[in-house]
Amino acid sequence: MPDDEKTRSERTLESILEGKKLDAYAEHCTKKMHVCGLCGAVGYQRKPMKPIGSKWVCIDCMRELKEILDTLPQWEAEIQIGKEMSKKIDDTLGV
């Protein structure tokens, strides 16, 4: 019976020690982790992130922003056409 208790206490101590090692490792690794300011994704080594000002932005959000900015002239043209059509309608109706 004393052998069982000794092994149980040894296992408990080993488990506590492993937990502390894991906590120390996680604490060390969290310094390299960043949270995307747009989508909230956590970036580490597998998800590239870049700092923009004081915020970090992930590669997926950067791609979406690039796509939006690439289509910006088209949006502006559509808005301009809408304004011109509205103005012509107002002029035609005499408003």
PDB file of N, CA and C in Angstrom:
ATOM      1  N   MET A   1       0.820  -1.201   0.000  1.00  0.00           N
ATOM      2  CA  MET A   1       0.000   0.000   0.000  1.00  0.00           C
ATOM      3  C   MET A   1       0.860   1.260   0.000  1.00  0.00           C
ATOM      4  N   PRO A   2       1.949   1.343   0.785  1.00  0.00           N
ATOM      5  CA  PRO A   2       2.774   2.549   0.742  1.00  0.00           C
ATOM      6  C   PRO A   2       3.376   2.779  -0.635  1.00  0.00           C
ATOM      7  N   ASP A   3       3.681   1.693  -1.362  1.00  0.00           N
ATOM      8  CA  ASP A   3       4.234   1.854  -2.708  1.00  0.00           C
ATOM      9  C   ASP A   3       3.222   2.506  -3.644  1.00  0.00           C
ATOM     10  N   ASP A   4       1.935   2.119  -3.485  1.00  0.00           N
ATOM     11  CA  ASP A   4       0.892   2.701  -4.320  1.00  0.00           C
ATOM     12  C   ASP A   4       0.750   4.194  -4.056  1.00  0.00           C
ATOM     13  N   GLU A   5       0.801   4.566  -2.779  1.00  0.00           N
ATOM     14  CA  GLU A   5       0.679   5.980  -2.432  1.00  0.00           C
ATOM     15  C   GLU A   5       1.888   6.762  -2.919  1.00  0.00           C
ATOM     16  N   LYS A   6       3.048   6.156  -2.835  1.00  0.00           N
ATOM     17  CA  LYS A   6       4.256   6.832  -3.293  1.00  0.00           C
ATOM     18  C   LYS A   6       4.188   7.055  -4.802  1.00  0.00           C
ATOM     19  N   THR A   7       3.778   6.054  -5.516  1.00  0.00           N
ATOM     20  CA  THR A   7       3.683   6.218  -6.966  1.00  0.00           C
ATOM     21  C   THR A   7       2.582   7.215  -7.321  1.00  0.00           C
ATOM     22  N   ARG A   8       1.512   7.200  -6.555  1.00  0.00           N
ATOM     23  CA  ARG A   8       0.434   8.151  -6.801  1.00  0.00           C
ATOM     24  C   ARG A   8       0.922   9.575  -6.540  1.00  0.00           C
ATOM     25  N   SER A   9       1.645   9.770  -5.449  1.00  0.00           N
ATOM     26  CA  SER A   9       2.153  11.113  -5.140  1.00  0.00           C
ATOM     27  C   SER A   9       3.217  11.533  -6.155  1.00  0.00           C
ATOM     28  N   GLU A  10       4.036  10.573  -6.596  1.00  0.00           N
ATOM     29  CA  GLU A  10       5.023  10.899  -7.630  1.00  0.00           C
ATOM     30  C   GLU A  10       4.336  11.296  -8.933  1.00  0.00           C
ATOM     31  N   ARG A  11       3.296  10.560  -9.277  1.00  0.00           N
ATOM     32  CA  ARG A  11       2.557  10.896 -10.501  1.00  0.00           C
ATOM     33  C   ARG A  11       1.904  12.264 -10.385  1.00  0.00           C
ATOM     34  N   THR A  12       1.380  12.560  -9.207  1.00  0.00           N
ATOM     35  CA  THR A  12       0.763  13.867  -8.989  1.00  0.00           C
ATOM     36  C   THR A  12       1.789  14.978  -9.131  1.00  0.00           C
ATOM     37  N   LEU A  13       2.951  14.795  -8.528  1.00  0.00           N
ATOM     38  CA  LEU A  13       4.014  15.801  -8.633  1.00  0.00           C
ATOM     39  C   LEU A  13       4.494  15.958 -10.074  1.00  0.00           C
ATOM     40  N   GLU A  14       4.632  14.843 -10.786  1.00  0.00           N
ATOM     41  CA  GLU A  14       5.042  14.908 -12.189  1.00  0.00           C
ATOM     42  C   GLU A  14       4.005  15.653 -13.023  1.00  0.00           C
ATOM     43  N   SER A  15       2.746  15.387 -12.732  1.00  0.00           N
ATOM     44  CA  SER A  15       1.669  16.060 -13.453  1.00  0.00           C
ATOM     45  C   SER A  15       1.691  17.567 -13.195  1.00  0.00           C
ATOM     46  N   ILE A  16       1.893  17.944 -11.940  1.00  0.00           N
ATOM     47  CA  ILE A  16       1.976  19.367 -11.591  1.00  0.00           C
ATOM     48  C   ILE A  16       3.176  20.010 -12.271  1.00  0.00           C
ATOM     49  N   LEU A  17       4.297  19.316 -12.277  1.00  0.00           N
ATOM     50  CA  LEU A  17       5.506  19.828 -12.919  1.00  0.00           C
ATOM     51  C   LEU A  17       5.295  20.004 -14.425  1.00  0.00           C
ATOM     52  N   GLU A  18       4.673  19.028 -15.063  1.00  0.00           N
ATOM     53  CA  GLU A  18       4.389  19.135 -16.499  1.00  0.00           C
ATOM     54  C   GLU A  18       3.449  20.307 -16.776  1.00  0.00           C
ATOM     55  N   GLY A  19       2.459  20.499 -15.912  1.00  0.00           N
ATOM     56  CA  GLY A  19       1.546  21.630 -16.064  1.00  0.00           C
ATOM     57  C   GLY A  19       2.270  22.958 -15.963  1.00  0.00           C
ATOM     58  N   LYS A  20       3.179  23.068 -15.023  1.00  0.00           N
ATOM     59  CA  LYS A  20       3.958  24.306 -14.871  1.00  0.00           C
ATOM     60  C   LYS A  20       4.857  24.542 -16.080  1.00  0.00           C
ATOM     61  N   LYS A  21       5.449  23.464 -16.610  1.00  0.00           N
ATOM     62  CA  LYS A  21       6.272  23.596 -17.814  1.00  0.00           C
ATOM     63  C   LYS A  21       5.430  24.085 -18.992  1.00  0.00           C
ATOM     64  N   LEU A  22       4.237  23.512 -19.121  1.00  0.00           N
ATOM     65  CA  LEU A  22       3.343  23.913 -20.203  1.00  0.00           C
ATOM     66  C   LEU A  22       2.926  25.372 -20.050  1.00  0.00           C
ATOM     67  N   ASP A  23       2.622  25.793 -18.829  1.00  0.00           N
ATOM     68  CA  ASP A  23       2.276  27.193 -18.577  1.00  0.00           C
ATOM     69  C   ASP A  23       3.428  28.121 -18.938  1.00  0.00           C
ATOM     70  N   ALA A  24       4.637  27.739 -18.570  1.00  0.00           N
ATOM     71  CA  ALA A  24       5.807  28.559 -18.886  1.00  0.00           C
ATOM     72  C   ALA A  24       6.012  28.646 -20.390  1.00  0.00           C
ATOM     73  N   TYR A  25       5.816  27.538 -21.093  1.00  0.00           N
ATOM     74  CA  TYR A  25       5.963  27.531 -22.549  1.00  0.00           C
ATOM     75  C   TYR A  25       4.900  28.408 -23.206  1.00  0.00           C
ATOM     76  N   ALA A  26       3.651  28.272 -22.737  1.00  0.00           N
ATOM     77  CA  ALA A  26       2.567  29.083 -23.296  1.00  0.00           C
ATOM     78  C   ALA A  26       2.817  30.563 -23.036  1.00  0.00           C
ATOM     79  N   GLU A  27       3.295  30.898 -21.861  1.00  0.00           N
ATOM     80  CA  GLU A  27       3.619  32.290 -21.531  1.00  0.00           C
ATOM     81  C   GLU A  27       4.702  32.818 -22.463  1.00  0.00           C
ATOM     82  N   HIS A  28       5.682  31.987 -22.745  1.00  0.00           N
ATOM     83  CA  HIS A  28       6.779  32.378 -23.641  1.00  0.00           C
ATOM     84  C   HIS A  28       6.262  32.591 -25.068  1.00  0.00           C
ATOM     85  N   CYS A  29       5.379  31.719 -25.527  1.00  0.00           N
ATOM     86  CA  CYS A  29       4.889  31.789 -26.908  1.00  0.00           C
ATOM     87  C   CYS A  29       3.880  32.907 -27.123  1.00  0.00           C
ATOM     88  N   THR A  30       3.156  33.310 -26.089  1.00  0.00           N
ATOM     89  CA  THR A  30       2.138  34.342 -26.277  1.00  0.00           C
ATOM     90  C   THR A  30       2.751  35.687 -26.622  1.00  0.00           C
ATOM     91  N   LYS A  31       4.029  35.871 -26.364  1.00  0.00           N
ATOM     92  CA  LYS A  31       4.676  37.120 -26.751  1.00  0.00           C
ATOM     93  C   LYS A  31       4.738  37.248 -28.266  1.00  0.00           C
ATOM     94  N   LYS A  32       4.752  36.121 -28.966  1.00  0.00           N
ATOM     95  CA  LYS A  32       4.813  36.114 -30.425  1.00  0.00           C
ATOM     96  C   LYS A  32       3.427  36.142 -31.058  1.00  0.00           C
ATOM     97  N   MET A  33       2.386  35.980 -30.258  1.00  0.00           N
ATOM     98  CA  MET A  33       1.022  35.938 -30.779  1.00  0.00           C
ATOM     99  C   MET A  33       0.451  37.341 -30.888  1.00  0.00           C
ATOM    100  N   HIS A  34      -0.388  37.534 -31.913  1.00  0.00           N
ATOM    101  CA  HIS A  34      -1.066  38.807 -32.112  1.00  0.00           C
ATOM    102  C   HIS A  34      -2.513  38.527 -32.490  1.00  0.00           C
ATOM    103  N   VAL A  35      -3.390  39.484 -32.225  1.00  0.00           N
ATOM    104  CA  VAL A  35      -4.797  39.354 -32.567  1.00  0.00           C
ATOM    105  C   VAL A  35      -5.111  40.353 -33.666  1.00  0.00           C
ATOM    106  N   CYS A  36      -5.775  39.876 -34.710  1.00  0.00           N
ATOM    107  CA  CYS A  36      -6.149  40.744 -35.827  1.00  0.00           C
ATOM    108  C   CYS A  36      -7.160  41.772 -35.331  1.00  0.00           C
ATOM    109  N   GLY A  37      -6.905  43.033 -35.627  1.00  0.00           N
ATOM    110  CA  GLY A  37      -7.798  44.106 -35.203  1.00  0.00           C
ATOM    111  C   GLY A  37      -9.102  44.147 -35.971  1.00  0.00           C
ATOM    112  N   LEU A  38      -9.196  43.444 -37.101  1.00  0.00           N
ATOM    113  CA  LEU A  38     -10.409  43.463 -37.912  1.00  0.00           C
ATOM    114  C   LEU A  38     -11.292  42.238 -37.678  1.00  0.00           C
ATOM    115  N   CYS A  39     -10.703  41.053 -37.742  1.00  0.00           N
ATOM    116  CA  CYS A  39     -11.520  39.838 -37.631  1.00  0.00           C
ATOM    117  C   CYS A  39     -11.362  39.124 -36.290  1.00  0.00           C
ATOM    118  N   GLY A  40     -10.353  39.482 -35.510  1.00  0.00           N
ATOM    119  CA  GLY A  40     -10.159  38.864 -34.205  1.00  0.00           C
ATOM    120  C   GLY A  40      -9.409  37.542 -34.235  1.00  0.00           C
ATOM    121  N   ALA A  41      -8.892  37.151 -35.395  1.00  0.00           N
ATOM    122  CA  ALA A  41      -8.130  35.905 -35.492  1.00  0.00           C
ATOM    123  C   ALA A  41      -6.814  36.044 -34.730  1.00  0.00           C
ATOM    124  N   VAL A  42      -6.399  34.948 -34.121  1.00  0.00           N
ATOM    125  CA  VAL A  42      -5.135  34.939 -33.398  1.00  0.00           C
ATOM    126  C   VAL A  42      -4.056  34.446 -34.347  1.00  0.00           C
ATOM    127  N   GLY A  43      -3.028  35.248 -34.507  1.00  0.00           N
ATOM    128  CA  GLY A  43      -1.940  34.883 -35.403  1.00  0.00           C
ATOM    129  C   GLY A  43      -0.718  34.465 -34.627  1.00  0.00           C
ATOM    130  N   TYR A  44      -0.105  33.416 -35.096  1.00  0.00           N
ATOM    131  CA  TYR A  44       1.142  32.954 -34.490  1.00  0.00           C
ATOM    132  C   TYR A  44       2.094  32.717 -35.640  1.00  0.00           C
ATOM    133  N   GLN A  45       2.693  31.583 -35.761  1.00  0.00           N
ATOM    134  CA  GLN A  45       3.661  31.344 -36.822  1.00  0.00           C
ATOM    135  C   GLN A  45       3.000  30.925 -38.127  1.00  0.00           C
ATOM    136  N   ARG A  46       1.849  30.321 -38.081  1.00  0.00           N
ATOM    137  CA  ARG A  46       1.205  29.821 -39.297  1.00  0.00           C
ATOM    138  C   ARG A  46       0.342  30.866 -39.985  1.00  0.00           C
ATOM    139  N   LYS A  47      -0.058  31.906 -39.288  1.00  0.00           N
ATOM    140  CA  LYS A  47      -0.910  32.934 -39.881  1.00  0.00           C
ATOM    141  C   LYS A  47      -0.143  34.247 -39.878  1.00  0.00           C
ATOM    142  N   PRO A  48       0.361  34.664 -41.033  1.00  0.00           N
ATOM    143  CA  PRO A  48       1.148  35.896 -41.087  1.00  0.00           C
ATOM    144  C   PRO A  48       0.310  37.120 -40.733  1.00  0.00           C
ATOM    145  N   MET A  49       0.917  38.041 -40.009  1.00  0.00           N
ATOM    146  CA  MET A  49       0.254  39.281 -39.619  1.00  0.00           C
ATOM    147  C   MET A  49       1.237  40.430 -39.755  1.00  0.00           C
ATOM    148  N   LYS A  50       0.694  41.618 -40.003  1.00  0.00           N
ATOM    149  CA  LYS A  50       1.515  42.820 -40.121  1.00  0.00           C
ATOM    150  C   LYS A  50       0.942  43.894 -39.200  1.00  0.00           C
ATOM    151  N   PRO A  51       1.822  44.663 -38.572  1.00  0.00           N
ATOM    152  CA  PRO A  51       1.318  45.777 -37.752  1.00  0.00           C
ATOM    153  C   PRO A  51       0.960  46.964 -38.638  1.00  0.00           C
ATOM    154  N   ILE A  52      -0.195  47.540 -38.369  1.00  0.00           N
ATOM    155  CA  ILE A  52      -0.610  48.778 -39.025  1.00  0.00           C
ATOM    156  C   ILE A  52      -0.944  49.739 -37.898  1.00  0.00           C
ATOM    157  N   GLY A  53      -0.061  50.685 -37.667  1.00  0.00           N
ATOM    158  CA  GLY A  53      -0.203  51.557 -36.507  1.00  0.00           C
ATOM    159  C   GLY A  53       0.002  50.730 -35.252  1.00  0.00           C
ATOM    160  N   SER A  54      -0.984  50.774 -34.368  1.00  0.00           N
ATOM    161  CA  SER A  54      -0.885  49.994 -33.132  1.00  0.00           C
ATOM    162  C   SER A  54      -1.660  48.682 -33.219  1.00  0.00           C
ATOM    163  N   LYS A  55      -2.325  48.428 -34.341  1.00  0.00           N
ATOM    164  CA  LYS A  55      -3.124  47.210 -34.525  1.00  0.00           C
ATOM    165  C   LYS A  55      -2.387  46.229 -35.433  1.00  0.00           C
ATOM    166  N   TRP A  56      -2.730  44.967 -35.287  1.00  0.00           N
ATOM    167  CA  TRP A  56      -2.195  43.928 -36.158  1.00  0.00           C
ATOM    168  C   TRP A  56      -3.309  43.475 -37.091  1.00  0.00           C
ATOM    169  N   VAL A  57      -2.961  43.197 -38.356  1.00  0.00           N
ATOM    170  CA  VAL A  57      -3.944  42.764 -39.348  1.00  0.00           C
ATOM    171  C   VAL A  57      -3.441  41.472 -39.989  1.00  0.00           C
ATOM    172  N   CYS A  58      -4.331  40.481 -40.093  1.00  0.00           N
ATOM    173  CA  CYS A  58      -3.942  39.187 -40.657  1.00  0.00           C
ATOM    174  C   CYS A  58      -3.925  39.245 -42.179  1.00  0.00           C
ATOM    175  N   ILE A  59      -3.304  38.270 -42.785  1.00  0.00           N
ATOM    176  CA  ILE A  59      -3.152  38.220 -44.237  1.00  0.00           C
ATOM    177  C   ILE A  59      -4.509  38.098 -44.935  1.00  0.00           C
ATOM    178  N   ASP A  60      -5.464  37.410 -44.327  1.00  0.00           N
ATOM    179  CA  ASP A  60      -6.781  37.258 -44.942  1.00  0.00           C
ATOM    180  C   ASP A  60      -7.500  38.602 -45.034  1.00  0.00           C
ATOM    181  N   CYS A  61      -7.437  39.390 -43.974  1.00  0.00           N
ATOM    182  CA  CYS A  61      -8.065  40.713 -43.991  1.00  0.00           C
ATOM    183  C   CYS A  61      -7.342  41.636 -44.967  1.00  0.00           C
ATOM    184  N   MET A  62      -6.019  41.494 -45.064  1.00  0.00           N
ATOM    185  CA  MET A  62      -5.253  42.298 -46.025  1.00  0.00           C
ATOM    186  C   MET A  62      -5.697  41.990 -47.446  1.00  0.00           C
ATOM    187  N   ARG A  63      -5.930  40.719 -47.742  1.00  0.00           N
ATOM    188  CA  ARG A  63      -6.400  40.334 -49.084  1.00  0.00           C
ATOM    189  C   ARG A  63      -7.768  40.938 -49.376  1.00  0.00           C
ATOM    190  N   GLU A  64      -8.664  40.889 -48.394  1.00  0.00           N
ATOM    191  CA  GLU A  64      -9.992  41.469 -48.586  1.00  0.00           C
ATOM    192  C   GLU A  64      -9.904  42.973 -48.804  1.00  0.00           C
ATOM    193  N   LEU A  65      -9.069  43.647 -48.021  1.00  0.00           N
ATOM    194  CA  LEU A  65      -8.892  45.090 -48.195  1.00  0.00           C
ATOM    195  C   LEU A  65      -8.320  45.413 -49.570  1.00  0.00           C
ATOM    196  N   LYS A  66      -7.373  44.615 -50.028  1.00  0.00           N
ATOM    197  CA  LYS A  66      -6.780  44.831 -51.349  1.00  0.00           C
ATOM    198  C   LYS A  66      -7.841  44.688 -52.432  1.00  0.00           C
ATOM    199  N   GLU A  67      -8.691  43.669 -52.307  1.00  0.00           N
ATOM    200  CA  GLU A  67      -9.759  43.459 -53.282  1.00  0.00           C
ATOM    201  C   GLU A  67     -10.720  44.647 -53.295  1.00  0.00           C
ATOM    202  N   ILE A  68     -11.048  45.144 -52.121  1.00  0.00           N
ATOM    203  CA  ILE A  68     -11.946  46.302 -52.022  1.00  0.00           C
ATOM    204  C   ILE A  68     -11.308  47.526 -52.658  1.00  0.00           C
ATOM    205  N   LEU A  69     -10.038  47.763 -52.347  1.00  0.00           N
ATOM    206  CA  LEU A  69      -9.352  48.935 -52.894  1.00  0.00           C
ATOM    207  C   LEU A  69      -9.154  48.823 -54.401  1.00  0.00           C
ATOM    208  N   ASP A  70      -8.985  47.611 -54.911  1.00  0.00           N
ATOM    209  CA  ASP A  70      -8.845  47.426 -56.355  1.00  0.00           C
ATOM    210  C   ASP A  70     -10.134  47.753 -57.099  1.00  0.00           C
ATOM    211  N   THR A  71     -11.292  47.551 -56.467  1.00  0.00           N
ATOM    212  CA  THR A  71     -12.577  47.832 -57.113  1.00  0.00           C
ATOM    213  C   THR A  71     -13.119  49.210 -56.751  1.00  0.00           C
ATOM    214  N   LEU A  72     -12.357  49.998 -56.015  1.00  0.00           N
ATOM    215  CA  LEU A  72     -12.807  51.328 -55.594  1.00  0.00           C
ATOM    216  C   LEU A  72     -13.146  52.247 -56.772  1.00  0.00           C
ATOM    217  N   PRO A  73     -12.343  52.329 -57.834  1.00  0.00           N
ATOM    218  CA  PRO A  73     -12.711  53.188 -58.969  1.00  0.00           C
ATOM    219  C   PRO A  73     -14.045  52.796 -59.599  1.00  0.00           C
ATOM    220  N   GLN A  74     -14.337  51.505 -59.649  1.00  0.00           N
ATOM    221  CA  GLN A  74     -15.616  51.051 -60.192  1.00  0.00           C
ATOM    222  C   GLN A  74     -16.765  51.542 -59.313  1.00  0.00           C
ATOM    223  N   TRP A  75     -16.601  51.441 -58.002  1.00  0.00           N
ATOM    224  CA  TRP A  75     -17.630  51.935 -57.087  1.00  0.00           C
ATOM    225  C   TRP A  75     -17.855  53.427 -57.281  1.00  0.00           C
ATOM    226  N   GLU A  76     -16.757  54.181 -57.373  1.00  0.00           N
ATOM    227  CA  GLU A  76     -16.876  55.626 -57.546  1.00  0.00           C
ATOM    228  C   GLU A  76     -17.581  55.959 -58.853  1.00  0.00           C
ATOM    229  N   ALA A  77     -17.302  55.204 -59.921  1.00  0.00           N
ATOM    230  CA  ALA A  77     -17.965  55.430 -61.208  1.00  0.00           C
ATOM    231  C   ALA A  77     -19.461  55.153 -61.090  1.00  0.00           C
ATOM    232  N   GLU A  78     -19.831  54.089 -60.397  1.00  0.00           N
ATOM    233  CA  GLU A  78     -21.249  53.773 -60.207  1.00  0.00           C
ATOM    234  C   GLU A  78     -21.953  54.866 -59.416  1.00  0.00           C
ATOM    235  N   ILE A  79     -21.300  55.388 -58.399  1.00  0.00           N
ATOM    236  CA  ILE A  79     -21.889  56.474 -57.601  1.00  0.00           C
ATOM    237  C   ILE A  79     -22.065  57.719 -58.459  1.00  0.00           C
ATOM    238  N   GLN A  80     -21.067  58.037 -59.274  1.00  0.00           N
ATOM    239  CA  GLN A  80     -21.133  59.213 -60.142  1.00  0.00           C
ATOM    240  C   GLN A  80     -22.264  59.071 -61.154  1.00  0.00           C
ATOM    241  N   ILE A  81     -22.412  57.891 -61.750  1.00  0.00           N
ATOM    242  CA  ILE A  81     -23.504  57.659 -62.702  1.00  0.00           C
ATOM    243  C   ILE A  81     -24.843  57.830 -62.007  1.00  0.00           C
ATOM    244  N   GLY A  82     -24.969  57.315 -60.798  1.00  0.00           N
ATOM    245  CA  GLY A  82     -26.211  57.469 -60.040  1.00  0.00           C
ATOM    246  C   GLY A  82     -26.535  58.923 -59.765  1.00  0.00           C
ATOM    247  N   LYS A  83     -25.519  59.730 -59.424  1.00  0.00           N
ATOM    248  CA  LYS A  83     -25.737  61.158 -59.176  1.00  0.00           C
ATOM    249  C   LYS A  83     -26.161  61.874 -60.452  1.00  0.00           C
ATOM    250  N   GLU A  84     -25.510  61.544 -61.578  1.00  0.00           N
ATOM    251  CA  GLU A  84     -25.857  62.176 -62.853  1.00  0.00           C
ATOM    252  C   GLU A  84     -27.273  61.823 -63.271  1.00  0.00           C
ATOM    253  N   MET A  85     -27.658  60.552 -63.095  1.00  0.00           N
ATOM    254  CA  MET A  85     -29.018  60.141 -63.439  1.00  0.00           C
ATOM    255  C   MET A  85     -30.030  60.854 -62.563  1.00  0.00           C
ATOM    256  N   SER A  86     -29.736  60.977 -61.290  1.00  0.00           N
ATOM    257  CA  SER A  86     -30.641  61.665 -60.374  1.00  0.00           C
ATOM    258  C   SER A  86     -30.786  63.127 -60.763  1.00  0.00           C
ATOM    259  N   LYS A  87     -29.676  63.758 -61.141  1.00  0.00           N
ATOM    260  CA  LYS A  87     -29.717  65.163 -61.545  1.00  0.00           C
ATOM    261  C   LYS A  87     -30.522  65.335 -62.828  1.00  0.00           C
ATOM    262  N   LYS A  88     -30.356  64.442 -63.818  1.00  0.00           N
ATOM    263  CA  LYS A  88     -31.111  64.521 -65.074  1.00  0.00           C
ATOM    264  C   LYS A  88     -32.597  64.332 -64.828  1.00  0.00           C
ATOM    265  N   ILE A  89     -32.932  63.391 -63.945  1.00  0.00           N
ATOM    266  CA  ILE A  89     -34.346  63.159 -63.628  1.00  0.00           C
ATOM    267  C   ILE A  89     -34.932  64.391 -62.966  1.00  0.00           C
ATOM    268  N   ASP A  90     -34.192  64.989 -62.033  1.00  0.00           N
ATOM    269  CA  ASP A  90     -34.670  66.201 -61.363  1.00  0.00           C
ATOM    270  C   ASP A  90     -34.830  67.345 -62.361  1.00  0.00           C
ATOM    271  N   ASP A  91     -33.888  67.496 -63.299  1.00  0.00           N
ATOM    272  CA  ASP A  91     -33.977  68.550 -64.308  1.00  0.00           C
ATOM    273  C   ASP A  91     -35.154  68.309 -65.243  1.00  0.00           C
ATOM    274  N   THR A  92     -35.382  67.056 -65.611  1.00  0.00           N
ATOM    275  CA  THR A  92     -36.483  66.722 -66.515  1.00  0.00           C
ATOM    276  C   THR A  92     -37.826  66.991 -65.852  1.00  0.00           C
ATOM    277  N   LEU A  93     -37.936  66.663 -64.592  1.00  0.00           N
ATOM    278  CA  LEU A  93     -39.194  66.861 -63.875  1.00  0.00           C
ATOM    279  C   LEU A  93     -39.349  68.292 -63.375  1.00  0.00           C
ATOM    280  N   GLY A  94     -38.286  69.063 -63.443  1.00  0.00           N
ATOM    281  CA  GLY A  94     -38.354  70.454 -63.000  1.00  0.00           C
ATOM    282  C   GLY A  94     -38.370  70.603 -61.494  1.00  0.00           C
ATOM    283  N   VAL A  95     -37.752  69.697 -60.801  1.00  0.00           N
ATOM    284  CA  VAL A  95     -37.726  69.751 -59.337  1.00  0.00           C
ATOM    285  C   VAL A  95     -36.617  70.618 -58.853  1.00  0.00           C
TER     286      VAL A  95
END
